[in-house]
């Protein structure tokens, strides 16, 4: 079983990497981009077969290591 975790900065938290990407896109001629939020995707290969247990375990991983929950939010998908 696979899990995909998407981690993004929370709304209201400054995103300097996103702003750098937005600026670079403008420099390359892509003028219609008003904002960019940059995040990360983490894919996990899990040994278990219980979807609910896997989702709970991955959420625990996010709370403890994969996301800084003070400034980041996360979304877990079991694939």
C-alpha atoms as a PDB file:
ATOM      1  CA  UNK A   1       0.000   0.000   0.000  1.00  0.00           C
ATOM      2  CA  UNK A   2       1.193   3.517  -0.745  1.00  0.00           C
ATOM      3  CA  UNK A   3       0.529   6.782   1.018  1.00  0.00           C
ATOM      4  CA  UNK A   4       1.051  10.263  -0.343  1.00  0.00           C
ATOM      5  CA  UNK A   5       1.499  13.204   2.032  1.00  0.00           C
ATOM      6  CA  UNK A   6       1.231  16.759   0.718  1.00  0.00           C
ATOM      7  CA  UNK A   7       2.726  19.385   3.036  1.00  0.00           C
ATOM      8  CA  UNK A   8       2.087  23.096   2.456  1.00  0.00           C
ATOM      9  CA  UNK A   9       2.716  26.258   4.425  1.00  0.00           C
ATOM     10  CA  UNK A  10      -0.431  27.454   6.176  1.00  0.00           C
ATOM     11  CA  UNK A  11      -2.241  30.493   4.816  1.00  0.00           C
ATOM     12  CA  UNK A  12      -0.754  33.649   6.281  1.00  0.00           C
ATOM     13  CA  UNK A  13       2.762  32.185   6.566  1.00  0.00           C
ATOM     14  CA  UNK A  14       5.220  33.947   4.260  1.00  0.00           C
ATOM     15  CA  UNK A  15       6.482  31.734   1.424  1.00  0.00           C
ATOM     16  CA  UNK A  16       9.793  33.157   0.119  1.00  0.00           C
ATOM     17  CA  UNK A  17      10.358  30.179  -2.201  1.00  0.00           C
ATOM     18  CA  UNK A  18       6.894  30.594  -3.692  1.00  0.00           C
ATOM     19  CA  UNK A  19       7.544  34.306  -4.197  1.00  0.00           C
ATOM     20  CA  UNK A  20      10.881  33.544  -5.910  1.00  0.00           C
ATOM     21  CA  UNK A  21       9.094  31.111  -8.252  1.00  0.00           C
ATOM     22  CA  UNK A  22       6.382  33.700  -9.017  1.00  0.00           C
ATOM     23  CA  UNK A  23       9.034  36.299  -9.799  1.00  0.00           C
ATOM     24  CA  UNK A  24      11.004  33.898 -12.019  1.00  0.00           C
ATOM     25  CA  UNK A  25       7.846  32.960 -13.939  1.00  0.00           C
ATOM     26  CA  UNK A  26       7.193  36.660 -14.577  1.00  0.00           C
ATOM     27  CA  UNK A  27      10.760  37.078 -15.816  1.00  0.00           C
ATOM     28  CA  UNK A  28      10.187  34.195 -18.240  1.00  0.00           C
ATOM     29  CA  UNK A  29       7.104  35.914 -19.659  1.00  0.00           C
ATOM     30  CA  UNK A  30       4.373  34.159 -17.673  1.00  0.00           C
ATOM     31  CA  UNK A  31       2.648  37.348 -16.558  1.00  0.00           C
ATOM     32  CA  UNK A  32      -0.686  35.855 -15.434  1.00  0.00           C
ATOM     33  CA  UNK A  33       0.603  34.286 -12.190  1.00  0.00           C
ATOM     34  CA  UNK A  34      -0.495  36.342  -9.178  1.00  0.00           C
ATOM     35  CA  UNK A  35       0.748  34.013  -6.444  1.00  0.00           C
ATOM     36  CA  UNK A  36       2.650  30.772  -5.844  1.00  0.00           C
ATOM     37  CA  UNK A  37       2.682  28.532  -2.766  1.00  0.00           C
ATOM     38  CA  UNK A  38       5.474  25.963  -2.734  1.00  0.00           C
ATOM     39  CA  UNK A  39       5.247  22.710  -0.772  1.00  0.00           C
ATOM     40  CA  UNK A  40       6.485  19.146  -0.731  1.00  0.00           C
ATOM     41  CA  UNK A  41       5.112  15.694  -1.535  1.00  0.00           C
ATOM     42  CA  UNK A  42       6.249  12.604   0.365  1.00  0.00           C
ATOM     43  CA  UNK A  43       5.363   9.096  -0.860  1.00  0.00           C
ATOM     44  CA  UNK A  44       5.554   6.172   1.543  1.00  0.00           C
ATOM     45  CA  UNK A  45       5.452   2.441   0.829  1.00  0.00           C
ATOM     46  CA  UNK A  46       3.564   0.807   3.685  1.00  0.00           C
ATOM     47  CA  UNK A  47       3.533  -2.861   4.645  1.00  0.00           C
ATOM     48  CA  UNK A  48       0.024  -2.977   6.112  1.00  0.00           C
ATOM     49  CA  UNK A  49      -3.264  -3.655   4.327  1.00  0.00           C
ATOM     50  CA  UNK A  50      -5.737  -1.872   6.625  1.00  0.00           C
ATOM     51  CA  UNK A  51      -6.485   1.489   4.996  1.00  0.00           C
ATOM     52  CA  UNK A  52      -7.870   3.173   8.129  1.00  0.00           C
ATOM     53  CA  UNK A  53      -4.927   2.051  10.281  1.00  0.00           C
ATOM     54  CA  UNK A  54      -2.475   3.196   7.617  1.00  0.00           C
ATOM     55  CA  UNK A  55      -4.089   6.630   7.413  1.00  0.00           C
ATOM     56  CA  UNK A  56      -3.925   7.018  11.199  1.00  0.00           C
ATOM     57  CA  UNK A  57      -0.295   5.891  11.280  1.00  0.00           C
ATOM     58  CA  UNK A  58       0.738   8.285   8.506  1.00  0.00           C
ATOM     59  CA  UNK A  59      -1.097  11.147  10.236  1.00  0.00           C
ATOM     60  CA  UNK A  60       0.924  10.352  13.363  1.00  0.00           C
ATOM     61  CA  UNK A  61       4.118  10.416  11.265  1.00  0.00           C
ATOM     62  CA  UNK A  62       3.134  13.865   9.999  1.00  0.00           C
ATOM     63  CA  UNK A  63       2.454  15.167  13.493  1.00  0.00           C
ATOM     64  CA  UNK A  64       5.778  13.858  14.805  1.00  0.00           C
ATOM     65  CA  UNK A  65       8.190  14.340  11.884  1.00  0.00           C
ATOM     66  CA  UNK A  66       6.975  14.998   8.356  1.00  0.00           C
ATOM     67  CA  UNK A  67       5.282  18.367   8.908  1.00  0.00           C
ATOM     68  CA  UNK A  68       5.975  21.315  11.165  1.00  0.00           C
ATOM     69  CA  UNK A  69       2.376  21.690  12.278  1.00  0.00           C
ATOM     70  CA  UNK A  70       2.988  25.175  13.687  1.00  0.00           C
ATOM     71  CA  UNK A  71       3.443  26.615  10.181  1.00  0.00           C
ATOM     72  CA  UNK A  72       2.487  23.754   7.830  1.00  0.00           C
ATOM     73  CA  UNK A  73      -0.659  21.815   7.043  1.00  0.00           C
ATOM     74  CA  UNK A  74      -0.712  18.336   5.536  1.00  0.00           C
ATOM     75  CA  UNK A  75      -3.028  16.061   3.599  1.00  0.00           C
ATOM     76  CA  UNK A  76      -2.773  12.256   3.664  1.00  0.00           C
ATOM     77  CA  UNK A  77      -3.923  10.101   0.745  1.00  0.00           C
ATOM     78  CA  UNK A  78      -3.858   6.304   0.899  1.00  0.00           C
ATOM     79  CA  UNK A  79      -3.362   4.986  -2.628  1.00  0.00           C
END
